[in-house]
Amino acid sequence: MQKEKQIRIAVIDFNKCHAEKCDYLCKRVCPLNRSGKECITIASDSKPRISEQLCTACRICVHKCPFNAISIVNLTGKFANIVHCYGENKFRLYGLPIPMQGKVVGLIGRNGIGKTTALKILAGKLVPKPDCANESYEALIEMFKGKELQAYFEKLSNEGIKVSFKPQDINKIAEAFKGTVQELLNHFDERNNAKEIANQLDLGKVMKRKLTELSGGELQKIAIACALLKDANLYFFDEPSSYLDVQERLRIAKIIRKLAESQKYVLVVEHDLAVLDYLSDFVHVLFGSKGVYGIVSSRLSVLNGINQYLEGYLKNENVRFRDKELSFAKIAHEAKKSEQYIAYPSFTKTYENFKLEASAGEIMKCEIIGILGPNAIGKTTFVKVLAGIIDSDKGKVNLGLKLALKPQYLKPEADVTVERLVASSSIDKELFETEANKRFAISELYERKLTELSGGELQKISLAITMCKQADLYLLDEPSAFLDVEERLNAAAFIKSVIEKTEKACIVVDHDLLFQDYLCDRLIVFEGTPAKHGVANKPMEKEEAMNKFLKALDITFRRDPQTGRPRANKPGSVKDQEQKKQGKYYYL
C-alpha cells in the first residue's frame, strides 16, 4: 500500500521568540545546519526561519528552545488544501465552513485554531493567501471547483455578496465611534428598523449615552444590533454571548435564528455550548494545533458536531484530534456537608436607583457555590459586600475571613510582564507551580506584557493568581469569560482541585450554565427587576435552584445521554412541553 503523503509544518511564535537572549540556539543545535545545510536561517528582522522543505522533523530545536516558541508538525496529505497562511513559519488554515441559506451554521473549536480567520475570509475582511505569500481569490475558486464554496468566492471576489460582520473584540467600537448609541445605530440602519432592533435588544435606556459610558454587555448588544441593521446576504457573529447573562443569550439566539429564517446565510462562533446547541442547525468543528494550524471539518448536525468535538474524534475524517474525551459528568467531590464553614447574615445594599436584598446563608467546608441571575441584578454587589469591598446599609459585613476576589473586568497594566506580575503577587508559589502553571502553562507567557495578551490568556492568569492566594473564601466573577470549551473545563477542574487541597470554599458568578452545572455543588438564584431591585436567595440544592431559575426564563434543559451535558430544548418542542407539564425544567 502506498504511504500517504506527509506535509511538514514549522511554525515559530514570534511573540515568544527572543533569539538574541539564547544566541540563536535553534540554529546552533539543528543537525542539518551542523552538516553544512541551511535549514534554519536568520531573516532580516533578526528572527530565525525554518525551511519546511529541508526540515526532517527531528524536533531537536523544539525541545531545546528555551522559550517554547517552535512547533513542528507532520500533517497527512488529505488536509493539503491550504486556504490561508499568515506568512513564513506562521499559522495556516485548511478548509472553510460552508454557509447555508436559511440556516445557522455554528463553529466550534479551541482558541487560536482559526475560527475568526475563517470568518474574516468568508466575510471578505481578509483576502486569503493560499501560498503564504500572494493574496488570491482565484486560487480558492480553483481549489473549491465543483463545490458549494466555488460559487460563493466567485460572487465575493466580484463584490456580489454583501456581508455583515459582528467582530469578537467589541471594545474597539467605542474607540472607533465617538457619538451616542442612537447615532451609531442610525449610521448602520440600512433596513430602516433601528427602533425595532433596539426594542428587541432592550437598548431603550442607553440610546442617548455615549459608547464610552457603556458596560461590556451593553456594548455587545450594540455590536449585534449594528450587524443586524445592515442589509446583507450573509451575517457573521463572532462570540455574540460574551458579557451577556443567560436570559440575554437566549434572546440573542432567538433573534439570530429568526434572521436565518428570512433566508439569510448566518455563521456563528460560540464557546457557550448551551447557546451554540440552542442556536445552530449545523456545525463545523475546527481542530489542529493552537497557534500552528487549523482544519475545518465537514458539516455536521449540531448534535453530532458538538458530541464528536467533546469526544475528540471526527468520524467522517477518521481523525482523533484529542487524547481524551471531554465529559460533563460531575467532578467527583465529597463536600463536607456536616461541617459548616461560613455563615453570612442577611443584608441590604441601597443605591440611588437600585436596592439589593440578600437572605442569610451558609457555606460548607470544601464547597463551591454558584450564583445565577441576570445582569444588573446585584450579583457583583453581593460579592463585594461579602468581600468587604463595599459596606451594606448597616455597615461592613465582617465575616472574619481572608478573602480573595477575581474581578469581572480585567484591566492589564501597561509595561508589566507576566513574570513580574506573578513575582509581585502574594501567592503560594508551590500551589502555583503544581496546579496553575501545570494546567495553564503560564510560564510560557512570562516574557509577554499584559497589554499584549488575549482575553483568554489574561483570564487564566487572573484566575491562577486569585486561586493561589492564601485565603479562606475565594470569590470569582465570570471566570469562564473568553475561555474556549476545553479551557473552561480545565479551569473548573483547577478551581475544584485547589478548593479540595486547601479545604476552603468558593463562590462563582458565571453566565455559562454548563460551566456552573459542571463545577458547583449548590447555587444561589437572584431574582427581581434588573437595575431596580435584586433579591439574593439562600443557597439551594442544584436541581431546586436550576428549576427555579429556568422556570423564570421559560426554558427547559435535558441531559444528553452520550456526554451528560445539559441541552436546551427548542421552545414548543414535544420534550419542552412534556418537561414543563411535569415542572422539570432541569434534570440533575
Protein backbone atom coordinates (compact mmCIF):
# COMPACT_ATOMS: atom_id res chain seq x y z
CA MET A 1 0.00 0.00 0.00
CA GLN A 2 1.30 3.45 -0.96
CA LYS A 3 2.23 5.53 2.06
CA GLU A 4 0.12 8.67 2.49
CA LYS A 5 1.97 11.88 1.74
CA GLN A 6 3.02 13.97 4.75
CA ILE A 7 3.06 17.77 4.91
CA ARG A 8 5.60 19.40 7.21
CA ILE A 9 4.56 22.50 9.14
CA ALA A 10 7.15 24.54 11.04
CA VAL A 11 5.78 27.49 13.00
CA ILE A 12 7.58 29.98 15.21
CA ASP A 13 5.66 32.03 17.75
CA PHE A 14 7.49 35.31 17.24
CA ASN A 15 5.87 36.79 20.35
CA LYS A 16 7.68 34.17 22.43
CA CYS A 17 10.90 34.04 20.43
CA HIS A 18 13.77 36.02 21.98
CA ALA A 19 16.60 34.64 19.86
CA GLU A 20 19.02 37.36 20.92
CA LYS A 21 18.84 36.04 24.51
CA CYS A 22 19.73 32.44 23.57
CA ASP A 23 22.15 33.37 20.77
CA TYR A 24 20.03 31.52 18.18
CA LEU A 25 20.22 28.17 19.95
CA CYS A 26 17.80 26.60 17.44
CA LYS A 27 20.19 27.32 14.58
CA ARG A 28 23.21 26.02 16.51
CA VAL A 29 21.63 22.67 17.52
CA CYS A 30 19.97 21.84 14.16
CA PRO A 31 21.70 18.69 12.74
CA LEU A 32 21.22 19.90 9.16
CA ASN A 33 22.83 23.24 9.92
CA ARG A 34 25.73 21.46 11.59
CA SER A 35 26.19 19.35 8.44
CA GLY A 36 26.52 22.49 6.31
CA LYS A 37 22.93 22.91 5.06
CA GLU A 38 20.75 25.92 5.80
CA CYS A 39 17.61 24.53 7.40
CA ILE A 40 17.41 27.32 10.00
CA THR A 41 18.49 30.78 8.87
CA ILE A 42 18.29 34.31 10.26
CA ALA A 43 15.95 36.70 8.42
CA SER A 44 16.29 40.47 8.03
CA ASP A 45 14.13 41.02 11.13
CA SER A 46 16.80 39.15 13.19
CA LYS A 47 14.36 36.28 13.80
CA PRO A 48 15.06 32.66 12.78
CA ARG A 49 13.31 30.97 9.85
CA ILE A 50 12.88 27.23 9.38
CA SER A 51 12.83 25.65 5.90
CA GLU A 52 9.91 23.21 5.80
CA GLN A 53 11.38 21.60 2.67
CA LEU A 54 14.71 20.78 4.35
CA CYS A 55 13.43 20.08 7.90
CA THR A 56 13.42 16.38 8.85
CA ALA A 57 11.18 16.91 11.92
CA CYS A 58 13.86 15.70 14.33
CA ARG A 59 12.38 18.32 16.71
CA ILE A 60 15.69 18.98 18.48
CA CYS A 61 15.10 22.71 18.05
CA VAL A 62 11.59 22.30 19.52
CA HIS A 63 12.93 20.68 22.70
CA LYS A 64 15.96 22.96 23.03
CA CYS A 65 14.17 26.28 22.53
CA PRO A 66 14.17 27.92 25.99
CA PHE A 67 11.03 29.94 25.15
CA ASN A 68 8.87 27.09 23.77
CA ALA A 69 8.45 29.16 20.61
CA ILE A 70 8.87 26.44 17.96
CA SER A 71 6.30 23.88 16.76
CA ILE A 72 6.95 21.26 14.06
CA VAL A 73 4.04 19.09 12.92
CA ASN A 74 3.60 16.39 10.28
CA LEU A 75 0.16 16.62 8.69
CA THR A 76 -1.40 13.95 6.47
CA GLY A 77 -1.81 14.82 2.80
CA LYS A 78 -5.61 14.60 2.85
CA PHE A 79 -5.62 18.03 4.55
CA ALA A 80 -3.35 19.56 1.90
CA ASN A 81 -5.72 22.29 0.69
CA ILE A 82 -4.35 25.33 2.47
CA VAL A 83 -6.74 28.30 2.42
CA HIS A 84 -4.69 30.92 4.24
CA CYS A 85 -1.19 31.37 5.65
CA TYR A 86 -0.14 34.45 7.60
CA GLY A 87 3.43 34.16 6.31
CA GLU A 88 6.58 32.06 6.53
CA ASN A 89 6.62 29.93 9.70
CA LYS A 90 3.24 31.34 10.75
CA PHE A 91 -0.26 29.97 11.36
CA ARG A 92 -2.16 28.42 8.45
CA LEU A 93 -5.77 27.38 7.90
CA TYR A 94 -7.02 24.35 5.93
CA GLY A 95 -10.59 24.28 4.64
CA LEU A 96 -13.51 26.62 5.30
CA PRO A 97 -17.03 26.43 6.77
CA ILE A 98 -19.89 26.33 4.27
CA PRO A 99 -22.69 28.88 4.80
CA MET A 100 -26.25 27.61 4.20
CA GLN A 101 -29.17 29.79 3.16
CA GLY A 102 -31.91 29.85 5.79
CA LYS A 103 -29.77 28.01 8.36
CA VAL A 104 -27.48 28.92 11.26
CA VAL A 105 -24.09 27.24 10.93
CA GLY A 106 -22.01 27.20 14.12
CA LEU A 107 -18.23 26.93 14.50
CA ILE A 108 -16.74 25.14 17.48
CA GLY A 109 -13.08 24.76 18.40
CA ARG A 110 -10.28 25.94 20.65
CA ASN A 111 -8.99 29.50 20.79
CA GLY A 112 -6.15 30.13 18.36
CA ILE A 113 -7.34 27.45 15.93
CA GLY A 114 -8.57 29.68 13.08
CA LYS A 115 -12.29 30.32 13.69
CA THR A 116 -12.01 34.11 13.46
CA THR A 117 -9.65 33.79 10.48
CA ALA A 118 -12.23 31.64 8.66
CA LEU A 119 -14.98 34.16 9.38
CA LYS A 120 -12.86 37.08 8.15
CA ILE A 121 -12.07 35.27 4.87
CA LEU A 122 -15.73 34.44 4.25
CA ALA A 123 -16.70 38.00 5.20
CA GLY A 124 -14.20 39.49 2.75
CA LYS A 125 -12.33 41.16 5.62
CA LEU A 126 -9.21 39.09 4.93
CA VAL A 127 -8.03 38.19 1.43
CA PRO A 128 -6.72 34.60 1.53
CA LYS A 129 -3.05 33.72 0.93
CA PRO A 130 -3.05 30.03 -0.06
CA ASP A 131 0.70 30.05 -0.84
CA CYS A 132 1.75 32.04 2.27
CA ALA A 133 2.83 34.95 0.07
CA ASN A 134 0.29 36.13 -2.51
CA GLU A 135 -3.30 37.17 -1.89
CA SER A 136 -5.69 35.39 -4.26
CA TYR A 137 -9.36 34.53 -4.55
CA GLU A 138 -8.66 32.78 -7.86
CA ALA A 139 -6.65 30.04 -6.14
CA LEU A 140 -9.54 29.35 -3.77
CA ILE A 141 -12.07 29.31 -6.62
CA GLU A 142 -9.93 26.66 -8.31
CA MET A 143 -9.46 24.77 -5.03
CA PHE A 144 -13.21 24.52 -4.42
CA LYS A 145 -14.15 23.90 -8.05
CA GLY A 146 -17.38 21.93 -8.29
CA LYS A 147 -18.20 22.57 -4.62
CA GLU A 148 -20.54 24.98 -2.84
CA LEU A 149 -17.75 27.41 -1.98
CA GLN A 150 -16.73 27.93 -5.63
CA ALA A 151 -19.82 29.99 -6.45
CA TYR A 152 -19.52 31.77 -3.10
CA PHE A 153 -15.99 33.02 -3.74
CA GLU A 154 -16.80 33.91 -7.34
CA LYS A 155 -19.55 36.21 -6.06
CA LEU A 156 -17.42 37.53 -3.20
CA SER A 157 -14.47 38.37 -5.46
CA ASN A 158 -16.83 40.28 -7.76
CA GLU A 159 -18.45 42.06 -4.80
CA GLY A 160 -21.71 40.23 -5.46
CA ILE A 161 -22.25 39.27 -1.82
CA LYS A 162 -22.93 41.79 0.90
CA VAL A 163 -21.64 40.75 4.31
CA SER A 164 -22.41 41.92 7.85
CA PHE A 165 -19.74 41.03 10.42
CA LYS A 166 -20.04 41.25 14.23
CA PRO A 167 -16.42 41.18 15.50
CA GLN A 168 -15.08 39.42 18.57
CA ASP A 169 -13.36 42.48 20.06
CA ILE A 170 -16.28 44.80 20.83
CA ASN A 171 -14.16 47.28 22.82
CA LYS A 172 -12.82 48.73 19.56
CA ILE A 173 -16.32 50.03 18.73
CA ALA A 174 -16.07 52.71 21.42
CA GLU A 175 -12.59 53.65 20.14
CA ALA A 176 -13.78 54.00 16.52
CA PHE A 177 -17.07 55.84 17.09
CA LYS A 178 -17.33 58.82 19.46
CA GLY A 179 -21.07 59.55 19.23
CA THR A 180 -24.15 58.22 21.04
CA VAL A 181 -25.78 54.81 20.69
CA GLN A 182 -28.66 56.37 18.73
CA GLU A 183 -26.24 57.97 16.27
CA LEU A 184 -24.34 54.71 15.79
CA LEU A 185 -27.50 52.68 15.12
CA ASN A 186 -28.79 55.30 12.69
CA HIS A 187 -25.44 55.13 10.87
CA PHE A 188 -25.84 51.35 10.30
CA ASP A 189 -29.62 51.32 9.75
CA GLU A 190 -29.83 50.08 6.16
CA ARG A 191 -33.07 48.16 6.78
CA ASN A 192 -34.97 51.06 8.43
CA ASN A 193 -35.73 49.05 11.57
CA ALA A 194 -33.37 50.56 14.18
CA LYS A 195 -36.23 51.17 16.60
CA GLU A 196 -37.47 47.58 16.31
CA ILE A 197 -33.99 46.09 16.82
CA ALA A 198 -33.32 48.42 19.77
CA ASN A 199 -36.58 47.24 21.40
CA GLN A 200 -35.76 43.56 20.77
CA LEU A 201 -32.34 44.01 22.41
CA ASP A 202 -33.68 46.20 25.25
CA LEU A 203 -31.47 49.16 24.37
CA GLY A 204 -34.03 51.87 25.06
CA LYS A 205 -32.33 53.11 28.24
CA VAL A 206 -28.92 53.65 26.65
CA MET A 207 -29.85 55.25 23.31
CA LYS A 208 -28.69 58.75 24.35
CA ARG A 209 -25.50 57.59 26.08
CA LYS A 210 -22.01 57.67 24.58
CA LEU A 211 -20.32 54.36 23.81
CA THR A 212 -17.52 55.06 26.29
CA GLU A 213 -20.11 55.08 29.12
CA LEU A 214 -21.42 51.56 28.44
CA SER A 215 -20.81 48.19 30.11
CA GLY A 216 -19.44 45.17 28.26
CA GLY A 217 -22.91 43.63 27.97
CA GLU A 218 -24.38 46.83 26.55
CA LEU A 219 -21.52 47.14 24.02
CA GLN A 220 -22.09 43.53 22.99
CA LYS A 221 -25.78 44.11 22.28
CA ILE A 222 -24.98 47.27 20.34
CA ALA A 223 -22.42 45.40 18.21
CA ILE A 224 -25.06 42.74 17.49
CA ALA A 225 -27.63 45.45 16.68
CA CYS A 226 -25.25 47.08 14.18
CA ALA A 227 -24.73 43.73 12.44
CA LEU A 228 -28.49 43.07 12.31
CA LEU A 229 -29.24 46.53 10.91
CA LYS A 230 -27.11 46.07 7.80
CA ASP A 231 -28.94 44.87 4.68
CA ALA A 232 -26.73 41.89 3.86
CA ASN A 233 -26.86 38.41 2.38
CA LEU A 234 -24.56 36.85 4.95
CA TYR A 235 -24.32 37.57 8.65
CA PHE A 236 -21.36 36.53 10.80
CA PHE A 237 -21.40 36.69 14.60
CA ASP A 238 -18.10 36.14 16.43
CA GLU A 239 -18.79 35.18 20.09
CA PRO A 240 -22.13 37.02 20.50
CA SER A 241 -22.78 35.78 24.05
CA SER A 242 -19.74 37.30 25.81
CA TYR A 243 -20.70 39.63 28.71
CA LEU A 244 -24.40 38.69 28.39
CA ASP A 245 -26.48 36.94 31.05
CA VAL A 246 -28.40 33.72 30.36
CA GLN A 247 -31.66 35.44 29.50
CA GLU A 248 -29.93 37.84 27.10
CA ARG A 249 -28.01 34.96 25.47
CA LEU A 250 -31.22 33.09 24.74
CA ARG A 251 -32.89 36.27 23.49
CA ILE A 252 -29.97 36.89 21.11
CA ALA A 253 -30.14 33.25 19.95
CA LYS A 254 -33.83 33.63 19.06
CA ILE A 255 -33.18 36.86 17.15
CA ILE A 256 -30.32 35.28 15.16
CA ARG A 257 -32.45 32.23 14.37
CA LYS A 258 -35.24 34.48 13.14
CA LEU A 259 -32.73 36.25 10.90
CA ALA A 260 -31.75 32.93 9.31
CA GLU A 261 -35.42 32.05 8.77
CA SER A 262 -35.68 35.10 6.48
CA GLN A 263 -33.46 33.09 4.07
CA LYS A 264 -30.20 34.76 5.08
CA TYR A 265 -26.87 32.97 5.49
CA VAL A 266 -25.72 33.00 9.15
CA LEU A 267 -22.47 31.77 10.71
CA VAL A 268 -21.73 31.93 14.45
CA VAL A 269 -18.62 31.29 16.57
CA GLU A 270 -19.63 30.47 20.15
CA HIS A 271 -17.96 28.82 23.17
CA ASP A 272 -21.11 28.50 25.31
CA LEU A 273 -22.25 25.03 24.22
CA ALA A 274 -25.79 25.51 25.54
CA VAL A 275 -26.18 28.63 23.36
CA LEU A 276 -24.46 27.04 20.34
CA ASP A 277 -26.74 23.98 20.63
CA TYR A 278 -29.86 26.13 21.03
CA LEU A 279 -28.88 28.43 18.17
CA SER A 280 -27.40 26.26 15.41
CA ASP A 281 -28.79 23.94 12.75
CA PHE A 282 -25.38 22.59 11.72
CA VAL A 283 -21.79 22.95 12.94
CA HIS A 284 -18.23 22.69 11.68
CA VAL A 285 -15.56 21.52 14.13
CA LEU A 286 -12.17 23.23 13.90
CA PHE A 287 -9.20 21.20 15.14
CA GLY A 288 -5.43 21.26 14.86
CA SER A 289 -2.68 22.79 16.98
CA LYS A 290 -3.22 26.12 18.73
CA GLY A 291 -1.34 28.92 17.01
CA VAL A 292 0.15 26.47 14.48
CA TYR A 293 -2.58 25.26 12.12
CA GLY A 294 -6.34 24.76 11.98
CA ILE A 295 -8.50 22.37 9.94
CA VAL A 296 -12.22 22.80 9.27
CA SER A 297 -14.26 19.59 9.44
CA SER A 298 -17.10 18.60 7.14
CA ARG A 299 -20.54 19.97 8.01
CA LEU A 300 -22.28 18.04 10.82
CA SER A 301 -25.64 18.10 12.55
CA VAL A 302 -25.47 20.20 15.72
CA LEU A 303 -25.86 17.12 17.96
CA ASN A 304 -23.20 15.05 16.20
CA GLY A 305 -20.87 18.02 15.80
CA ILE A 306 -20.82 19.00 19.47
CA ASN A 307 -20.67 15.39 20.69
CA GLN A 308 -17.83 14.48 18.31
CA TYR A 309 -15.96 17.61 19.36
CA LEU A 310 -16.29 16.60 23.02
CA GLU A 311 -15.28 13.03 22.17
CA GLY A 312 -12.21 14.30 20.28
CA TYR A 313 -12.87 12.05 17.28
CA LEU A 314 -14.36 13.03 13.90
CA LYS A 315 -15.94 10.04 12.15
CA ASN A 316 -16.14 11.49 8.63
CA GLU A 317 -12.45 12.49 8.65
CA ASN A 318 -11.41 9.46 10.73
CA VAL A 319 -9.26 11.77 12.84
CA ARG A 320 -8.64 11.73 16.56
CA PHE A 321 -7.57 15.24 17.49
CA ARG A 322 -7.58 14.95 21.29
CA ASP A 323 -6.23 12.21 23.56
CA LYS A 324 -9.17 12.17 25.93
CA GLU A 325 -12.89 12.82 25.84
CA LEU A 326 -14.34 15.97 27.43
CA SER A 327 -17.02 14.80 29.82
CA PHE A 328 -19.66 16.81 31.63
CA ALA A 329 -20.10 14.13 34.25
CA LYS A 330 -19.92 15.88 37.63
CA ILE A 331 -16.44 16.08 39.12
CA ALA A 332 -16.12 13.56 41.93
CA HIS A 333 -16.39 15.57 45.11
CA GLU A 334 -17.16 14.91 48.75
CA ALA A 335 -18.38 18.20 50.20
CA LYS A 336 -18.11 18.02 53.98
CA LYS A 337 -21.73 18.99 54.34
CA SER A 338 -21.90 18.21 58.02
CA GLU A 339 -19.20 20.80 58.64
CA GLN A 340 -20.34 24.42 58.35
CA TYR A 341 -17.53 26.66 57.16
CA ILE A 342 -19.07 30.11 56.72
CA ALA A 343 -22.32 31.71 57.84
CA TYR A 344 -23.16 35.12 56.43
CA PRO A 345 -26.02 37.37 57.63
CA SER A 346 -28.92 38.84 55.68
CA PHE A 347 -28.19 42.36 54.46
CA THR A 348 -29.38 45.10 52.16
CA LYS A 349 -27.44 47.49 49.97
CA THR A 350 -29.22 50.57 48.63
CA TYR A 351 -28.08 52.89 45.84
CA GLU A 352 -29.93 55.85 44.34
CA ASN A 353 -31.85 53.73 41.80
CA PHE A 354 -31.17 50.17 42.97
CA LYS A 355 -31.63 48.02 46.07
CA LEU A 356 -30.26 44.56 46.83
CA GLU A 357 -31.81 42.33 49.50
CA ALA A 358 -29.79 39.23 50.44
CA SER A 359 -31.03 36.35 52.58
CA ALA A 360 -28.73 34.84 55.19
CA GLY A 361 -26.91 31.70 54.15
CA GLU A 362 -24.20 29.21 54.99
CA ILE A 363 -21.39 27.61 53.03
CA MET A 364 -19.92 24.23 53.89
CA LYS A 365 -16.27 23.23 54.01
CA CYS A 366 -14.80 22.45 50.55
CA GLU A 367 -18.00 23.68 48.88
CA ILE A 368 -18.30 25.66 45.65
CA ILE A 369 -21.39 27.85 45.43
CA GLY A 370 -22.58 29.15 42.06
CA ILE A 371 -24.55 32.37 41.52
CA LEU A 372 -27.18 32.65 38.77
CA GLY A 373 -29.13 35.71 37.70
CA PRO A 374 -29.49 38.40 35.02
CA ASN A 375 -27.12 41.32 34.58
CA ALA A 376 -27.72 44.40 36.78
CA ILE A 377 -29.47 42.31 39.46
CA GLY A 378 -26.80 42.79 42.16
CA LYS A 379 -24.56 39.72 41.82
CA THR A 380 -21.30 41.68 41.79
CA THR A 381 -22.60 43.94 44.59
CA PHE A 382 -23.38 40.81 46.64
CA VAL A 383 -19.84 39.51 46.13
CA LYS A 384 -18.27 42.89 47.01
CA VAL A 385 -20.31 43.22 50.22
CA LEU A 386 -19.18 39.74 51.32
CA ALA A 387 -15.62 40.65 50.39
CA GLY A 388 -15.80 43.82 52.50
CA ILE A 389 -15.01 46.00 49.48
CA ILE A 390 -18.25 47.93 49.93
CA ASP A 391 -20.44 48.32 53.04
CA SER A 392 -24.02 47.11 53.41
CA ASP A 393 -26.69 49.57 54.55
CA LYS A 394 -25.77 48.69 58.16
CA GLY A 395 -22.02 48.82 57.67
CA LYS A 396 -19.30 46.34 56.80
CA VAL A 397 -20.23 42.63 56.72
CA ASN A 398 -17.37 41.25 58.78
CA LEU A 399 -17.03 37.52 58.16
CA GLY A 400 -13.71 37.36 59.96
CA LEU A 401 -12.22 35.72 56.90
CA LYS A 402 -9.43 36.46 54.47
CA LEU A 403 -10.96 36.86 51.03
CA ALA A 404 -9.52 36.61 47.50
CA LEU A 405 -11.53 38.26 44.70
CA LYS A 406 -11.17 37.83 40.94
CA PRO A 407 -12.97 40.80 39.36
CA GLN A 408 -15.31 40.67 36.37
CA TYR A 409 -13.32 43.01 34.15
CA LEU A 410 -9.59 42.53 33.69
CA LYS A 411 -7.57 45.75 33.31
CA PRO A 412 -3.96 44.96 32.36
CA GLU A 413 -1.29 47.45 33.40
CA ALA A 414 0.94 48.79 30.65
CA ASP A 415 4.60 47.71 30.57
CA VAL A 416 4.11 44.97 33.18
CA THR A 417 5.23 41.47 32.14
CA VAL A 418 3.51 38.29 33.25
CA GLU A 419 6.64 37.21 35.14
CA ARG A 420 6.74 40.49 37.06
CA LEU A 421 3.04 40.27 37.92
CA VAL A 422 3.38 36.71 39.24
CA ALA A 423 6.54 37.55 41.19
CA SER A 424 4.91 40.58 42.84
CA SER A 425 1.72 38.71 43.81
CA SER A 426 1.30 37.30 47.31
CA ILE A 427 0.65 33.69 46.32
CA ASP A 428 1.50 30.18 47.40
CA LYS A 429 4.41 29.53 45.00
CA GLU A 430 4.24 25.75 45.36
CA LEU A 431 0.49 25.68 44.67
CA PHE A 432 1.03 27.98 41.70
CA GLU A 433 3.62 25.65 40.16
CA THR A 434 1.84 22.34 40.88
CA GLU A 435 -1.68 23.47 39.97
CA ALA A 436 -1.87 26.74 37.99
CA ASN A 437 1.32 26.62 35.92
CA LYS A 438 0.93 22.91 35.26
CA ARG A 439 -2.60 23.39 33.89
CA PHE A 440 -2.31 26.76 32.15
CA ALA A 441 1.40 26.86 31.12
CA ILE A 442 1.64 30.43 32.42
CA SER A 443 5.45 30.35 32.49
CA GLU A 444 5.40 30.28 28.66
CA LEU A 445 3.91 33.79 28.80
CA TYR A 446 6.44 35.23 31.28
CA GLU A 447 8.22 37.41 28.70
CA ARG A 448 4.96 38.92 27.39
CA LYS A 449 3.48 42.23 28.54
CA LEU A 450 -0.04 42.10 29.95
CA THR A 451 -1.29 44.54 27.30
CA GLU A 452 -0.17 42.10 24.57
CA LEU A 453 -2.24 39.18 25.87
CA SER A 454 -5.59 37.92 24.62
CA GLY A 455 -8.69 37.97 26.82
CA GLY A 456 -8.35 34.23 27.43
CA GLU A 457 -4.70 34.50 28.47
CA LEU A 458 -5.49 37.36 30.87
CA GLN A 459 -8.38 35.38 32.31
CA LYS A 460 -6.22 32.32 33.06
CA ILE A 461 -3.52 34.46 34.70
CA SER A 462 -6.05 36.35 36.83
CA LEU A 463 -7.77 33.10 37.87
CA ALA A 464 -4.44 31.42 38.66
CA ILE A 465 -3.19 34.27 40.85
CA THR A 466 -6.51 34.60 42.70
CA MET A 467 -6.83 30.88 43.46
CA CYS A 468 -3.19 30.65 44.62
CA LYS A 469 -3.55 33.42 47.19
CA GLN A 470 -3.78 32.37 50.82
CA ALA A 471 -7.45 32.99 51.63
CA ASP A 472 -10.42 31.46 53.43
CA LEU A 473 -13.01 32.27 50.76
CA TYR A 474 -12.49 32.72 47.02
CA LEU A 475 -14.90 34.95 45.08
CA LEU A 476 -14.73 34.53 41.29
CA ASP A 477 -16.62 36.89 38.98
CA GLU A 478 -17.15 35.36 35.49
CA PRO A 479 -14.07 33.08 35.39
CA SER A 480 -15.20 31.41 32.12
CA ALA A 481 -15.28 34.63 30.04
CA PHE A 482 -13.01 34.49 26.93
CA LEU A 483 -12.15 30.81 27.52
CA ASP A 484 -12.93 28.10 24.97
CA VAL A 485 -14.75 24.88 25.92
CA GLU A 486 -11.61 22.91 26.81
CA GLU A 487 -10.21 25.81 28.80
CA ARG A 488 -13.49 26.19 30.72
CA LEU A 489 -13.47 22.55 31.78
CA ASN A 490 -9.78 22.82 32.65
CA ALA A 491 -10.48 25.97 34.71
CA ALA A 492 -13.32 24.18 36.53
CA ALA A 493 -11.04 21.24 37.36
CA PHE A 494 -8.38 23.70 38.58
CA ILE A 495 -10.82 25.54 40.88
CA LYS A 496 -12.13 22.26 42.27
CA SER A 497 -8.64 20.88 42.86
CA VAL A 498 -7.44 23.98 44.74
CA ILE A 499 -10.55 24.05 46.95
CA GLU A 500 -10.15 20.38 47.84
CA LYS A 501 -6.41 20.73 48.53
CA THR A 502 -6.79 23.82 50.69
CA GLU A 503 -10.14 22.73 52.26
CA LYS A 504 -11.53 26.24 51.74
CA ALA A 505 -14.69 27.44 49.93
CA CYS A 506 -15.54 29.33 46.75
CA ILE A 507 -18.35 31.46 45.31
CA VAL A 508 -18.59 31.64 41.48
CA VAL A 509 -20.59 34.17 39.45
CA ASP A 510 -20.91 32.98 35.83
CA HIS A 511 -23.45 33.01 32.98
CA ASP A 512 -22.38 29.71 31.36
CA LEU A 513 -24.94 27.18 32.63
CA LEU A 514 -22.81 24.19 31.58
CA PHE A 515 -19.83 25.59 33.46
CA GLN A 516 -21.92 26.18 36.61
CA ASP A 517 -23.57 22.76 36.29
CA TYR A 518 -20.18 21.07 35.93
CA LEU A 519 -18.42 22.92 38.74
CA CYS A 520 -20.78 23.87 41.55
CA ASP A 521 -22.27 21.96 44.48
CA ARG A 522 -25.13 24.34 45.25
CA LEU A 523 -26.47 27.56 43.72
CA ILE A 524 -27.76 30.98 44.77
CA VAL A 525 -30.53 32.30 42.50
CA PHE A 526 -31.01 36.06 42.10
CA GLU A 527 -34.49 37.36 41.29
CA GLY A 528 -36.11 40.78 40.90
CA THR A 529 -36.05 43.59 38.35
CA PRO A 530 -32.66 44.38 36.77
CA ALA A 531 -31.28 47.85 37.55
CA LYS A 532 -34.07 48.39 40.14
CA HIS A 533 -34.40 45.65 42.74
CA GLY A 534 -32.47 42.43 43.31
CA VAL A 535 -33.18 39.57 45.72
CA ALA A 536 -30.47 37.02 46.58
CA ASN A 537 -31.97 33.76 47.82
CA LYS A 538 -30.14 31.49 50.24
CA PRO A 539 -28.00 28.66 48.73
CA MET A 540 -30.15 25.83 47.33
CA GLU A 541 -29.52 22.31 46.07
CA LYS A 542 -28.64 22.39 42.40
CA GLU A 543 -31.80 20.79 40.99
CA GLU A 544 -34.12 23.04 43.02
CA ALA A 545 -32.12 26.16 42.10
CA MET A 546 -31.89 25.35 38.39
CA ASN A 547 -35.62 24.60 38.19
CA LYS A 548 -36.41 27.92 39.87
CA PHE A 549 -34.03 29.85 37.61
CA LEU A 550 -35.04 28.19 34.31
CA LYS A 551 -38.77 28.39 35.06
CA ALA A 552 -38.42 32.18 35.26
CA LEU A 553 -36.72 32.09 31.83
CA ASP A 554 -39.37 29.69 30.45
CA ILE A 555 -36.75 27.30 29.07
CA THR A 556 -36.15 23.61 29.73
CA PHE A 557 -32.96 21.54 29.67
CA ARG A 558 -32.49 17.81 29.17
CA ARG A 559 -29.35 15.68 29.56
CA ASP A 560 -27.53 14.36 26.52
CA PRO A 561 -27.24 10.58 27.12
CA GLN A 562 -23.83 10.37 25.40
CA THR A 563 -21.91 13.24 27.03
CA GLY A 564 -24.03 14.13 30.08
CA ARG A 565 -24.13 17.81 29.04
CA PRO A 566 -27.32 19.81 29.58
CA ARG A 567 -29.08 20.61 26.28
CA ALA A 568 -31.66 23.35 25.84
CA ASN A 569 -34.94 22.11 24.36
CA LYS A 570 -36.27 24.02 21.37
CA PRO A 571 -39.24 26.18 22.50
CA GLY A 572 -42.55 24.41 21.94
CA SER A 573 -40.94 21.04 21.14
CA VAL A 574 -42.52 17.84 22.44
CA LYS A 575 -39.77 17.48 25.07
CA ASP A 576 -40.11 21.13 26.08
CA GLN A 577 -43.89 20.82 26.59
CA GLU A 578 -43.55 17.49 28.39
CA GLN A 579 -40.99 18.80 30.91
CA LYS A 580 -42.99 21.97 31.57
CA LYS A 581 -46.08 19.91 32.39
CA GLN A 582 -44.01 17.87 34.85
CA GLY A 583 -42.40 21.02 36.31
CA LYS A 584 -38.99 19.57 35.39
CA TYR A 585 -37.10 22.44 33.78
CA TYR A 586 -33.77 20.83 34.63
CA TYR A 587 -32.55 17.28 35.24
CA LEU A 588 -29.76 16.57 37.70
